[in-house]
C-alpha cells in the first residue's frame, strides 16, 4: 500500500516539477521517514551529525522548491 502511494506521488511530482526535483524530494522524504521510524519505534537517538544532515537535507530541498 505504501509502495503504491509512493509511486503515485512520484508520478504526480514528475509531471509537475520534473524528474530532478521529484527524486530529490523522494530521497529527503525517505530520509525523514526512516529517521522518524527509528526514533519513534526503535527508540534510537540522532547524534548531532545526523540531526544536522537531516536539517541540511530539508533545507536543500526547500531551496530547490523555492527557486
PDB file of N, CA and C in Angstrom:
ATOM      1  N   UNK A   1       0.814  -1.191   0.000  1.00  0.00           N
ATOM      2  CA  UNK A   1       0.000   0.000   0.000  1.00  0.00           C
ATOM      3  C   UNK A   1       0.864   1.264   0.000  1.00  0.00           C
ATOM      4  N   UNK A   2       1.830   1.330   0.920  1.00  0.00           N
ATOM      5  CA  UNK A   2       2.699   2.500   0.971  1.00  0.00           C
ATOM      6  C   UNK A   2       3.557   2.618  -0.288  1.00  0.00           C
ATOM      7  N   UNK A   3       3.983   1.485  -0.821  1.00  0.00           N
ATOM      8  CA  UNK A   3       4.776   1.490  -2.052  1.00  0.00           C
ATOM      9  C   UNK A   3       3.965   2.081  -3.198  1.00  0.00           C
ATOM     10  N   UNK A   4       2.701   1.691  -3.303  1.00  0.00           N
ATOM     11  CA  UNK A   4       1.837   2.201  -4.358  1.00  0.00           C
ATOM     12  C   UNK A   4       1.605   3.694  -4.194  1.00  0.00           C
ATOM     13  N   UNK A   5       1.355   4.134  -2.964  1.00  0.00           N
ATOM     14  CA  UNK A   5       1.175   5.567  -2.726  1.00  0.00           C
ATOM     15  C   UNK A   5       2.438   6.352  -3.057  1.00  0.00           C
ATOM     16  N   UNK A   6       3.590   5.785  -2.721  1.00  0.00           N
ATOM     17  CA  UNK A   6       4.849   6.439  -3.058  1.00  0.00           C
ATOM     18  C   UNK A   6       5.040   6.573  -4.556  1.00  0.00           C
ATOM     19  N   UNK A   7       4.728   5.520  -5.286  1.00  0.00           N
ATOM     20  CA  UNK A   7       4.853   5.575  -6.749  1.00  0.00           C
ATOM     21  C   UNK A   7       3.886   6.568  -7.372  1.00  0.00           C
ATOM     22  N   UNK A   8       2.660   6.605  -6.873  1.00  0.00           N
ATOM     23  CA  UNK A   8       1.685   7.562  -7.413  1.00  0.00           C
ATOM     24  C   UNK A   8       2.098   8.998  -7.121  1.00  0.00           C
ATOM     25  N   UNK A   9       2.640   9.241  -5.935  1.00  0.00           N
ATOM     26  CA  UNK A   9       3.092  10.594  -5.636  1.00  0.00           C
ATOM     27  C   UNK A   9       4.301  10.968  -6.485  1.00  0.00           C
ATOM     28  N   UNK A  10       5.178  10.010  -6.771  1.00  0.00           N
ATOM     29  CA  UNK A  10       6.328  10.289  -7.645  1.00  0.00           C
ATOM     30  C   UNK A  10       5.867  10.652  -9.048  1.00  0.00           C
ATOM     31  N   UNK A  11       4.859   9.962  -9.551  1.00  0.00           N
ATOM     32  CA  UNK A  11       4.346  10.278 -10.886  1.00  0.00           C
ATOM     33  C   UNK A  11       3.792  11.700 -10.913  1.00  0.00           C
ATOM     34  N   UNK A  12       3.027  12.054  -9.887  1.00  0.00           N
ATOM     35  CA  UNK A  12       2.468  13.410  -9.832  1.00  0.00           C
ATOM     36  C   UNK A  12       3.577  14.454  -9.733  1.00  0.00           C
ATOM     37  N   UNK A  13       4.604  14.188  -8.914  1.00  0.00           N
ATOM     38  CA  UNK A  13       5.721  15.122  -8.787  1.00  0.00           C
ATOM     39  C   UNK A  13       6.485  15.262 -10.092  1.00  0.00           C
ATOM     40  N   UNK A  14       6.704  14.149 -10.786  1.00  0.00           N
ATOM     41  CA  UNK A  14       7.453  14.216 -12.043  1.00  0.00           C
ATOM     42  C   UNK A  14       6.700  15.012 -13.092  1.00  0.00           C
ATOM     43  N   UNK A  15       5.386  14.900 -13.098  1.00  0.00           N
ATOM     44  CA  UNK A  15       4.603  15.658 -14.072  1.00  0.00           C
ATOM     45  C   UNK A  15       4.635  17.148 -13.799  1.00  0.00           C
ATOM     46  N   UNK A  16       4.603  17.521 -12.522  1.00  0.00           N
ATOM     47  CA  UNK A  16       4.504  18.946 -12.208  1.00  0.00           C
ATOM     48  C   UNK A  16       5.858  19.641 -12.095  1.00  0.00           C
ATOM     49  N   UNK A  17       6.865  18.934 -11.563  1.00  0.00           N
ATOM     50  CA  UNK A  17       8.106  19.643 -11.270  1.00  0.00           C
ATOM     51  C   UNK A  17       9.339  19.093 -11.970  1.00  0.00           C
ATOM     52  N   UNK A  18       9.239  17.990 -12.612  1.00  0.00           N
ATOM     53  CA  UNK A  18      10.393  17.428 -13.296  1.00  0.00           C
ATOM     54  C   UNK A  18      11.054  16.318 -12.488  1.00  0.00           C
ATOM     55  N   UNK A  19      11.890  15.569 -13.164  1.00  0.00           N
ATOM     56  CA  UNK A  19      12.499  14.382 -12.581  1.00  0.00           C
ATOM     57  C   UNK A  19      13.496  14.715 -11.474  1.00  0.00           C
ATOM     58  N   UNK A  20      14.323  15.717 -11.671  1.00  0.00           N
ATOM     59  CA  UNK A  20      15.371  16.014 -10.682  1.00  0.00           C
ATOM     60  C   UNK A  20      14.778  16.429  -9.337  1.00  0.00           C
ATOM     61  N   UNK A  21      13.786  17.283  -9.352  1.00  0.00           N
ATOM     62  CA  UNK A  21      13.161  17.705  -8.104  1.00  0.00           C
ATOM     63  C   UNK A  21      12.372  16.568  -7.472  1.00  0.00           C
ATOM     64  N   UNK A  22      11.728  15.748  -8.272  1.00  0.00           N
ATOM     65  CA  UNK A  22      10.959  14.628  -7.740  1.00  0.00           C
ATOM     66  C   UNK A  22      11.861  13.629  -7.028  1.00  0.00           C
ATOM     67  N   UNK A  23      13.003  13.334  -7.600  1.00  0.00           N
ATOM     68  CA  UNK A  23      13.924  12.395  -6.971  1.00  0.00           C
ATOM     69  C   UNK A  23      14.511  12.993  -5.699  1.00  0.00           C
ATOM     70  N   UNK A  24      14.826  14.272  -5.717  1.00  0.00           N
ATOM     71  CA  UNK A  24      15.342  14.935  -4.516  1.00  0.00           C
ATOM     72  C   UNK A  24      14.308  14.937  -3.402  1.00  0.00           C
ATOM     73  N   UNK A  25      13.077  15.270  -3.729  1.00  0.00           N
ATOM     74  CA  UNK A  25      12.011  15.247  -2.733  1.00  0.00           C
ATOM     75  C   UNK A  25      11.798  13.843  -2.181  1.00  0.00           C
ATOM     76  N   UNK A  26      11.853  12.866  -3.045  1.00  0.00           N
ATOM     77  CA  UNK A  26      11.664  11.484  -2.623  1.00  0.00           C
ATOM     78  C   UNK A  26      12.769  11.039  -1.672  1.00  0.00           C
ATOM     79  N   UNK A  27      13.997  11.377  -1.991  1.00  0.00           N
ATOM     80  CA  UNK A  27      15.095  10.937  -1.139  1.00  0.00           C
ATOM     81  C   UNK A  27      15.060  11.615   0.226  1.00  0.00           C
ATOM     82  N   UNK A  28      14.695  12.894   0.282  1.00  0.00           N
ATOM     83  CA  UNK A  28      14.601  13.576   1.574  1.00  0.00           C
ATOM     84  C   UNK A  28      13.390  13.077   2.355  1.00  0.00           C
ATOM     85  N   UNK A  29      12.297  12.790   1.673  1.00  0.00           N
ATOM     86  CA  UNK A  29      11.129  12.221   2.361  1.00  0.00           C
ATOM     87  C   UNK A  29      11.470  10.866   2.967  1.00  0.00           C
ATOM     88  N   UNK A  30      12.230  10.051   2.241  1.00  0.00           N
ATOM     89  CA  UNK A  30      12.662   8.763   2.779  1.00  0.00           C
ATOM     90  C   UNK A  30      13.597   8.954   3.962  1.00  0.00           C
ATOM     91  N   UNK A  31      14.492   9.929   3.887  1.00  0.00           N
ATOM     92  CA  UNK A  31      15.393  10.235   4.992  1.00  0.00           C
ATOM     93  C   UNK A  31      14.620  10.603   6.251  1.00  0.00           C
ATOM     94  N   UNK A  32      13.623  11.446   6.096  1.00  0.00           N
ATOM     95  CA  UNK A  32      12.810  11.857   7.240  1.00  0.00           C
ATOM     96  C   UNK A  32      12.003  10.689   7.776  1.00  0.00           C
ATOM     97  N   UNK A  33      11.388   9.914   6.887  1.00  0.00           N
ATOM     98  CA  UNK A  33      10.561   8.781   7.325  1.00  0.00           C
ATOM     99  C   UNK A  33      11.388   7.733   8.057  1.00  0.00           C
ATOM    100  N   UNK A  34      12.547   7.405   7.534  1.00  0.00           N
ATOM    101  CA  UNK A  34      13.398   6.400   8.167  1.00  0.00           C
ATOM    102  C   UNK A  34      13.864   6.871   9.535  1.00  0.00           C
ATOM    103  N   UNK A  35      14.253   8.134   9.636  1.00  0.00           N
ATOM    104  CA  UNK A  35      14.677   8.658  10.933  1.00  0.00           C
ATOM    105  C   UNK A  35      13.517   8.740  11.914  1.00  0.00           C
ATOM    106  N   UNK A  36      12.337   9.099  11.444  1.00  0.00           N
ATOM    107  CA  UNK A  36      11.170   9.153  12.325  1.00  0.00           C
ATOM    108  C   UNK A  36      10.826   7.768  12.862  1.00  0.00           C
ATOM    109  N   UNK A  37      10.874   6.761  12.004  1.00  0.00           N
ATOM    110  CA  UNK A  37      10.604   5.390  12.447  1.00  0.00           C
ATOM    111  C   UNK A  37      11.661   4.940  13.440  1.00  0.00           C
ATOM    112  N   UNK A  38      12.916   5.247  13.163  1.00  0.00           N
ATOM    113  CA  UNK A  38      13.992   4.846  14.074  1.00  0.00           C
ATOM    114  C   UNK A  38      13.829   5.484  15.448  1.00  0.00           C
ATOM    115  N   UNK A  39      13.460   6.760  15.470  1.00  0.00           N
ATOM    116  CA  UNK A  39      13.322   7.466  16.747  1.00  0.00           C
ATOM    117  C   UNK A  39      12.059   7.033  17.478  1.00  0.00           C
ATOM    118  N   UNK A  40      10.933   6.966  16.773  1.00  0.00           N
ATOM    119  CA  UNK A  40       9.659   6.696  17.425  1.00  0.00           C
ATOM    120  C   UNK A  40       9.439   5.216  17.752  1.00  0.00           C
ATOM    121  N   UNK A  41       9.842   4.330  16.855  1.00  0.00           N
ATOM    122  CA  UNK A  41       9.561   2.904  17.053  1.00  0.00           C
ATOM    123  C   UNK A  41      10.690   2.205  17.792  1.00  0.00           C
ATOM    124  N   UNK A  42      11.910   2.484  17.409  1.00  0.00           N
ATOM    125  CA  UNK A  42      13.048   1.750  17.962  1.00  0.00           C
ATOM    126  C   UNK A  42      13.808   2.515  19.044  1.00  0.00           C
ATOM    127  N   UNK A  43      13.291   3.667  19.435  1.00  0.00           N
ATOM    128  CA  UNK A  43      13.898   4.496  20.481  1.00  0.00           C
ATOM    129  C   UNK A  43      15.366   4.827  20.214  1.00  0.00           C
ATOM    130  N   UNK A  44      15.677   5.055  18.968  1.00  0.00           N
ATOM    131  CA  UNK A  44      17.032   5.482  18.596  1.00  0.00           C
ATOM    132  C   UNK A  44      17.195   6.960  18.923  1.00  0.00           C
ATOM    133  N   UNK A  45      18.424   7.393  19.004  1.00  0.00           N
ATOM    134  CA  UNK A  45      18.710   8.818  19.189  1.00  0.00           C
ATOM    135  C   UNK A  45      19.574   9.292  18.037  1.00  0.00           C
ATOM    136  N   UNK A  46      19.236  10.470  17.542  1.00  0.00           N
ATOM    137  CA  UNK A  46      20.051  11.063  16.483  1.00  0.00           C
ATOM    138  C   UNK A  46      21.221  11.798  17.122  1.00  0.00           C
ATOM    139  N   UNK A  47      22.399  11.523  16.621  1.00  0.00           N
ATOM    140  CA  UNK A  47      23.560  12.310  17.029  1.00  0.00           C
ATOM    141  C   UNK A  47      23.488  13.672  16.369  1.00  0.00           C
ATOM    142  N   UNK A  48      24.354  14.561  16.789  1.00  0.00           N
ATOM    143  CA  UNK A  48      24.273  15.899  16.210  1.00  0.00           C
ATOM    144  C   UNK A  48      24.663  15.905  14.747  1.00  0.00           C
ATOM    145  N   UNK A  49      25.565  15.002  14.332  1.00  0.00           N
ATOM    146  CA  UNK A  49      25.916  14.908  12.906  1.00  0.00           C
ATOM    147  C   UNK A  49      24.692  14.493  12.085  1.00  0.00           C
ATOM    148  N   UNK A  50      23.963  13.522  12.599  1.00  0.00           N
ATOM    149  CA  UNK A  50      22.785  13.043  11.881  1.00  0.00           C
ATOM    150  C   UNK A  50      21.682  14.100  11.852  1.00  0.00           C
ATOM    151  N   UNK A  51      21.479  14.786  12.963  1.00  0.00           N
ATOM    152  CA  UNK A  51      20.459  15.833  13.014  1.00  0.00           C
ATOM    153  C   UNK A  51      20.793  16.965  12.053  1.00  0.00           C
ATOM    154  N   UNK A  52      22.057  17.335  11.993  1.00  0.00           N
ATOM    155  CA  UNK A  52      22.480  18.378  11.049  1.00  0.00           C
ATOM    156  C   UNK A  52      22.257  17.902   9.613  1.00  0.00           C
ATOM    157  N   UNK A  53      22.521  16.636   9.332  1.00  0.00           N
ATOM    158  CA  UNK A  53      22.295  16.094   8.000  1.00  0.00           C
ATOM    159  C   UNK A  53      20.833  16.137   7.592  1.00  0.00           C
ATOM    160  N   UNK A  54      19.949  15.804   8.523  1.00  0.00           N
ATOM    161  CA  UNK A  54      18.513  15.865   8.232  1.00  0.00           C
ATOM    162  C   UNK A  54      18.087  17.307   7.980  1.00  0.00           C
ATOM    163  N   UNK A  55      18.547  18.219   8.807  1.00  0.00           N
ATOM    164  CA  UNK A  55      18.187  19.631   8.637  1.00  0.00           C
ATOM    165  C   UNK A  55      18.722  20.174   7.310  1.00  0.00           C
ATOM    166  N   UNK A  56      19.949  19.821   6.965  1.00  0.00           N
ATOM    167  CA  UNK A  56      20.507  20.284   5.685  1.00  0.00           C
ATOM    168  C   UNK A  56      19.768  19.677   4.491  1.00  0.00           C
ATOM    169  N   UNK A  57      19.343  18.424   4.620  1.00  0.00           N
ATOM    170  CA  UNK A  57      18.546  17.805   3.552  1.00  0.00           C
ATOM    171  C   UNK A  57      17.240  18.530   3.349  1.00  0.00           C
ATOM    172  N   UNK A  58      16.561  18.842   4.443  1.00  0.00           N
ATOM    173  CA  UNK A  58      15.310  19.585   4.352  1.00  0.00           C
ATOM    174  C   UNK A  58      15.545  20.973   3.776  1.00  0.00           C
ATOM    175  N   UNK A  59      16.607  21.637   4.220  1.00  0.00           N
ATOM    176  CA  UNK A  59      16.910  22.976   3.717  1.00  0.00           C
ATOM    177  C   UNK A  59      17.228  22.954   2.229  1.00  0.00           C
ATOM    178  N   UNK A  60      17.977  21.952   1.785  1.00  0.00           N
ATOM    179  CA  UNK A  60      18.344  21.903   0.366  1.00  0.00           C
ATOM    180  C   UNK A  60      17.128  21.701  -0.527  1.00  0.00           C
ATOM    181  N   UNK A  61      16.220  20.832  -0.133  1.00  0.00           N
ATOM    182  CA  UNK A  61      15.011  20.620  -0.941  1.00  0.00           C
ATOM    183  C   UNK A  61      14.114  21.849  -0.881  1.00  0.00           C
ATOM    184  N   UNK A  62      14.046  22.488   0.265  1.00  0.00           N
ATOM    185  CA  UNK A  62      13.258  23.708   0.383  1.00  0.00           C
ATOM    186  C   UNK A  62      13.782  24.780  -0.566  1.00  0.00           C
ATOM    187  N   UNK A  63      15.093  24.938  -0.618  1.00  0.00           N
ATOM    188  CA  UNK A  63      15.676  25.911  -1.544  1.00  0.00           C
ATOM    189  C   UNK A  63      15.430  25.531  -2.995  1.00  0.00           C
ATOM    190  N   UNK A  64      15.427  24.235  -3.310  1.00  0.00           N
ATOM    191  CA  UNK A  64      15.145  23.813  -4.682  1.00  0.00           C
ATOM    192  C   UNK A  64      13.700  24.130  -5.062  1.00  0.00           C
ATOM    193  N   UNK A  65      12.776  23.929  -4.123  1.00  0.00           N
ATOM    194  CA  UNK A  65      11.367  24.186  -4.413  1.00  0.00           C
ATOM    195  C   UNK A  65      11.110  25.680  -4.553  1.00  0.00           C
ATOM    196  N   UNK A  66      11.752  26.469  -3.714  1.00  0.00           N
ATOM    197  CA  UNK A  66      11.547  27.924  -3.748  1.00  0.00           C
ATOM    198  C   UNK A  66      12.056  28.533  -5.059  1.00  0.00           C
ATOM    199  N   UNK A  67      13.228  28.098  -5.469  1.00  0.00           N
ATOM    200  CA  UNK A  67      13.726  28.802  -6.624  1.00  0.00           C
ATOM    201  C   UNK A  67      14.654  28.056  -7.444  1.00  0.00           C
TER     202      UNK A  67
END
